[in-house]
N, C-alpha and C. Protein backbone atom coordinates (compact mmCIF):
# COMPACT_ATOMS: atom_id res chain seq x y z
N MET A 1 -22.49 -20.88 -7.15
CA MET A 1 -22.02 -20.40 -8.44
C MET A 1 -21.51 -18.97 -8.27
N ASN A 2 -20.43 -18.67 -8.90
CA ASN A 2 -19.82 -17.35 -8.80
C ASN A 2 -20.54 -16.38 -9.73
N LYS A 3 -21.10 -15.33 -9.14
CA LYS A 3 -21.85 -14.35 -9.91
C LYS A 3 -20.91 -13.28 -10.44
N LYS A 4 -20.92 -13.06 -11.74
CA LYS A 4 -20.08 -12.05 -12.35
C LYS A 4 -20.83 -10.71 -12.28
N LYS A 5 -20.12 -9.67 -11.85
CA LYS A 5 -20.74 -8.36 -11.73
C LYS A 5 -20.70 -7.64 -13.06
N ASN A 6 -21.79 -6.95 -13.35
CA ASN A 6 -21.83 -6.16 -14.58
C ASN A 6 -22.32 -4.76 -14.26
N ARG A 7 -22.46 -3.94 -15.27
CA ARG A 7 -22.84 -2.54 -15.05
C ARG A 7 -24.22 -2.38 -14.44
N ASN A 8 -25.09 -3.36 -14.59
CA ASN A 8 -26.43 -3.27 -14.03
C ASN A 8 -26.46 -3.64 -12.56
N ASP A 9 -25.42 -4.26 -12.07
CA ASP A 9 -25.34 -4.68 -10.68
C ASP A 9 -24.97 -3.47 -9.83
N PRO A 10 -25.81 -3.10 -8.84
CA PRO A 10 -25.52 -1.92 -8.01
C PRO A 10 -24.17 -2.00 -7.30
N GLU A 11 -23.74 -3.19 -6.90
CA GLU A 11 -22.45 -3.32 -6.23
C GLU A 11 -21.31 -3.00 -7.20
N ALA A 12 -21.44 -3.43 -8.44
CA ALA A 12 -20.41 -3.14 -9.43
C ALA A 12 -20.35 -1.65 -9.72
N VAL A 13 -21.50 -1.01 -9.75
CA VAL A 13 -21.56 0.43 -9.99
C VAL A 13 -20.90 1.16 -8.83
N SER A 14 -21.19 0.75 -7.59
CA SER A 14 -20.59 1.38 -6.42
C SER A 14 -19.08 1.21 -6.43
N PHE A 15 -18.60 0.03 -6.77
CA PHE A 15 -17.16 -0.21 -6.81
C PHE A 15 -16.51 0.69 -7.86
N ALA A 16 -17.12 0.77 -9.03
CA ALA A 16 -16.56 1.60 -10.11
C ALA A 16 -16.56 3.08 -9.71
N GLN A 17 -17.62 3.53 -9.07
CA GLN A 17 -17.68 4.92 -8.62
C GLN A 17 -16.63 5.19 -7.55
N ALA A 18 -16.49 4.27 -6.61
CA ALA A 18 -15.50 4.42 -5.54
C ALA A 18 -14.09 4.43 -6.12
N ARG A 19 -13.83 3.55 -7.09
CA ARG A 19 -12.52 3.50 -7.74
C ARG A 19 -12.22 4.82 -8.45
N ASP A 20 -13.18 5.31 -9.21
CA ASP A 20 -12.98 6.57 -9.93
C ASP A 20 -12.77 7.73 -8.96
N GLU A 21 -13.52 7.73 -7.87
CA GLU A 21 -13.37 8.78 -6.87
C GLU A 21 -11.99 8.70 -6.21
N LEU A 22 -11.54 7.49 -5.90
CA LEU A 22 -10.22 7.31 -5.30
C LEU A 22 -9.14 7.83 -6.23
N PHE A 23 -9.19 7.45 -7.50
CA PHE A 23 -8.19 7.91 -8.46
C PHE A 23 -8.21 9.44 -8.58
N SER A 24 -9.39 10.01 -8.58
CA SER A 24 -9.53 11.46 -8.66
C SER A 24 -8.89 12.13 -7.45
N HIS A 25 -9.13 11.59 -6.26
CA HIS A 25 -8.53 12.12 -5.03
C HIS A 25 -7.01 12.02 -5.09
N VAL A 26 -6.51 10.89 -5.57
CA VAL A 26 -5.05 10.69 -5.68
C VAL A 26 -4.44 11.80 -6.54
N LEU A 27 -5.07 12.07 -7.67
CA LEU A 27 -4.54 13.08 -8.58
C LEU A 27 -4.64 14.49 -8.00
N ARG A 28 -5.77 14.81 -7.37
CA ARG A 28 -5.97 16.15 -6.82
C ARG A 28 -5.10 16.43 -5.61
N CYS A 29 -4.85 15.40 -4.79
CA CYS A 29 -4.11 15.59 -3.54
C CYS A 29 -2.61 15.45 -3.69
N GLY A 30 -2.13 15.09 -4.85
CA GLY A 30 -0.70 14.98 -5.07
C GLY A 30 -0.05 13.82 -4.34
N VAL A 31 -0.81 12.77 -4.11
CA VAL A 31 -0.32 11.62 -3.35
C VAL A 31 0.82 10.91 -4.09
N ILE A 32 0.82 10.97 -5.39
CA ILE A 32 1.83 10.27 -6.18
C ILE A 32 3.23 10.76 -5.83
N GLU A 33 3.38 12.07 -5.56
CA GLU A 33 4.69 12.62 -5.24
C GLU A 33 5.06 12.50 -3.76
N ALA A 34 4.14 12.02 -2.93
CA ALA A 34 4.37 11.95 -1.49
C ALA A 34 5.32 10.81 -1.12
N LEU A 35 5.94 10.94 0.05
CA LEU A 35 6.78 9.87 0.58
C LEU A 35 5.92 8.65 0.91
N PRO A 36 6.51 7.46 0.86
CA PRO A 36 5.72 6.24 1.12
C PRO A 36 4.97 6.26 2.45
N GLU A 37 5.58 6.78 3.53
CA GLU A 37 4.88 6.80 4.82
C GLU A 37 3.72 7.78 4.81
N HIS A 38 3.83 8.86 4.04
CA HIS A 38 2.72 9.80 3.90
C HIS A 38 1.61 9.21 3.04
N GLN A 39 2.00 8.45 2.02
CA GLN A 39 1.00 7.77 1.19
C GLN A 39 0.19 6.79 2.04
N LYS A 40 0.88 6.04 2.91
CA LYS A 40 0.20 5.07 3.76
C LYS A 40 -0.82 5.77 4.65
N ASP A 41 -0.41 6.87 5.30
CA ASP A 41 -1.33 7.63 6.16
C ASP A 41 -2.50 8.16 5.36
N TRP A 42 -2.22 8.68 4.16
CA TRP A 42 -3.28 9.22 3.32
C TRP A 42 -4.27 8.12 2.93
N PHE A 43 -3.74 6.96 2.54
CA PHE A 43 -4.62 5.85 2.16
C PHE A 43 -5.43 5.36 3.35
N ASP A 44 -4.84 5.30 4.54
CA ASP A 44 -5.58 4.90 5.73
C ASP A 44 -6.80 5.79 5.93
N ASP A 45 -6.58 7.11 5.87
CA ASP A 45 -7.68 8.07 6.05
C ASP A 45 -8.70 8.00 4.92
N THR A 46 -8.20 7.93 3.71
CA THR A 46 -9.09 7.94 2.54
C THR A 46 -9.94 6.67 2.47
N MET A 47 -9.37 5.54 2.86
CA MET A 47 -10.15 4.30 2.83
C MET A 47 -11.25 4.32 3.88
N LEU A 48 -11.01 4.95 5.01
CA LEU A 48 -12.08 5.12 6.02
C LEU A 48 -13.20 5.98 5.45
N TYR A 49 -12.82 7.05 4.75
CA TYR A 49 -13.80 7.92 4.11
C TYR A 49 -14.62 7.15 3.07
N LEU A 50 -13.94 6.38 2.22
CA LEU A 50 -14.65 5.63 1.19
C LEU A 50 -15.54 4.55 1.78
N ALA A 51 -15.12 3.93 2.88
CA ALA A 51 -15.94 2.91 3.53
C ALA A 51 -17.24 3.54 4.06
N ASP A 52 -17.15 4.76 4.58
CA ASP A 52 -18.35 5.45 5.04
C ASP A 52 -19.23 5.90 3.88
N ARG A 53 -18.60 6.37 2.84
CA ARG A 53 -19.35 6.90 1.68
C ARG A 53 -20.02 5.79 0.87
N TYR A 54 -19.35 4.65 0.74
CA TYR A 54 -19.88 3.53 -0.03
C TYR A 54 -20.09 2.34 0.92
N GLU A 55 -21.13 2.42 1.71
CA GLU A 55 -21.40 1.43 2.75
C GLU A 55 -21.69 0.04 2.20
N ASP A 56 -22.12 -0.05 0.95
CA ASP A 56 -22.46 -1.35 0.38
C ASP A 56 -21.24 -2.14 -0.10
N LEU A 57 -20.05 -1.54 -0.06
CA LEU A 57 -18.85 -2.27 -0.46
C LEU A 57 -18.38 -3.17 0.67
N SER A 58 -17.97 -4.37 0.31
CA SER A 58 -17.47 -5.33 1.30
C SER A 58 -16.03 -4.99 1.69
N GLU A 59 -15.56 -5.62 2.74
CA GLU A 59 -14.17 -5.43 3.16
C GLU A 59 -13.21 -5.85 2.05
N GLU A 60 -13.56 -6.93 1.36
CA GLU A 60 -12.72 -7.40 0.25
C GLU A 60 -12.66 -6.36 -0.86
N GLU A 61 -13.79 -5.76 -1.20
CA GLU A 61 -13.81 -4.74 -2.25
C GLU A 61 -13.02 -3.50 -1.83
N LEU A 62 -13.13 -3.13 -0.56
CA LEU A 62 -12.35 -1.99 -0.06
C LEU A 62 -10.86 -2.30 -0.12
N SER A 63 -10.51 -3.53 0.19
CA SER A 63 -9.12 -3.95 0.11
C SER A 63 -8.63 -3.89 -1.34
N GLN A 64 -9.46 -4.33 -2.26
CA GLN A 64 -9.11 -4.28 -3.69
C GLN A 64 -8.93 -2.82 -4.14
N LEU A 65 -9.79 -1.93 -3.64
CA LEU A 65 -9.68 -0.52 -3.99
C LEU A 65 -8.34 0.04 -3.53
N ARG A 66 -7.96 -0.32 -2.32
CA ARG A 66 -6.68 0.19 -1.79
C ARG A 66 -5.51 -0.30 -2.64
N VAL A 67 -5.54 -1.58 -3.00
CA VAL A 67 -4.47 -2.12 -3.84
C VAL A 67 -4.41 -1.37 -5.17
N LEU A 68 -5.56 -1.13 -5.77
CA LEU A 68 -5.61 -0.39 -7.03
C LEU A 68 -5.04 1.01 -6.86
N GLY A 69 -5.44 1.67 -5.78
CA GLY A 69 -4.95 3.02 -5.51
C GLY A 69 -3.45 3.06 -5.29
N GLU A 70 -2.94 2.09 -4.52
CA GLU A 70 -1.50 2.05 -4.27
C GLU A 70 -0.72 1.76 -5.55
N ARG A 71 -1.25 0.91 -6.39
CA ARG A 71 -0.59 0.63 -7.67
C ARG A 71 -0.63 1.87 -8.57
N PHE A 72 -1.72 2.60 -8.50
CA PHE A 72 -1.88 3.81 -9.30
C PHE A 72 -0.82 4.84 -8.93
N CYS A 73 -0.36 4.83 -7.68
CA CYS A 73 0.64 5.79 -7.19
C CYS A 73 2.07 5.38 -7.51
N GLN A 74 2.27 4.16 -7.91
CA GLN A 74 3.63 3.69 -8.18
C GLN A 74 4.12 4.25 -9.51
N PRO A 75 5.42 4.56 -9.57
CA PRO A 75 5.96 5.07 -10.84
C PRO A 75 5.94 3.99 -11.91
N VAL A 76 5.88 4.43 -13.13
CA VAL A 76 5.88 3.51 -14.26
C VAL A 76 7.25 2.84 -14.33
N GLN A 77 7.25 1.54 -14.48
CA GLN A 77 8.50 0.80 -14.62
C GLN A 77 8.61 0.37 -16.07
N ARG A 78 9.63 0.87 -16.70
CA ARG A 78 9.84 0.54 -18.12
C ARG A 78 10.89 -0.55 -18.22
N LYS A 79 10.64 -1.47 -19.12
CA LYS A 79 11.61 -2.54 -19.37
C LYS A 79 12.63 -2.03 -20.36
N ASN A 80 13.89 -2.28 -20.06
CA ASN A 80 14.96 -1.93 -20.99
C ASN A 80 15.12 -3.06 -21.97
N GLU A 81 14.62 -2.83 -23.16
CA GLU A 81 14.72 -3.86 -24.20
C GLU A 81 15.77 -3.43 -25.19
N THR A 82 16.63 -4.34 -25.52
CA THR A 82 17.63 -4.04 -26.54
C THR A 82 17.04 -4.40 -27.89
N VAL A 83 17.17 -3.48 -28.78
CA VAL A 83 16.66 -3.68 -30.14
C VAL A 83 17.84 -4.09 -31.01
N GLU A 84 17.73 -5.28 -31.55
CA GLU A 84 18.81 -5.76 -32.42
C GLU A 84 18.51 -5.34 -33.85
N SER A 85 19.50 -4.78 -34.46
CA SER A 85 19.34 -4.32 -35.82
C SER A 85 19.79 -5.41 -36.78
N GLY A 86 19.00 -5.65 -37.78
CA GLY A 86 19.33 -6.67 -38.78
C GLY A 86 20.17 -6.11 -39.91
N ALA A 87 20.37 -4.79 -39.91
CA ALA A 87 21.16 -4.17 -40.98
C ALA A 87 22.65 -4.40 -40.74
N ALA A 88 23.35 -4.70 -41.81
CA ALA A 88 24.79 -4.91 -41.69
C ALA A 88 25.58 -3.88 -42.42
C-alpha cells in the first residue's frame, strides 16, 4: 500500500526543509540570472550538499528536489490570450 506522507512524517518534514533551503539558496546565490551551464554546475554542487545535510532523503526525493529547483529557476511563461470584446 502506498503510504502518503504528512507533516508528522519525519521524511516529509526533511523533504520540505530541504526544498525550502534549496529555494532560499537559489534566491540568495542569484542562480536564476545565471547561464544554463552555470546553473547546472551550481545544482550539481548544491545537490551534493543537500544529500549530505539531509541523509534520510532517498535518491528519488533528491531527484525531485532538483527538478523543483530547476523549475523554480525558469522564467515565467505567460500565455498570450486574446480577449474578445463583446461591445459593438
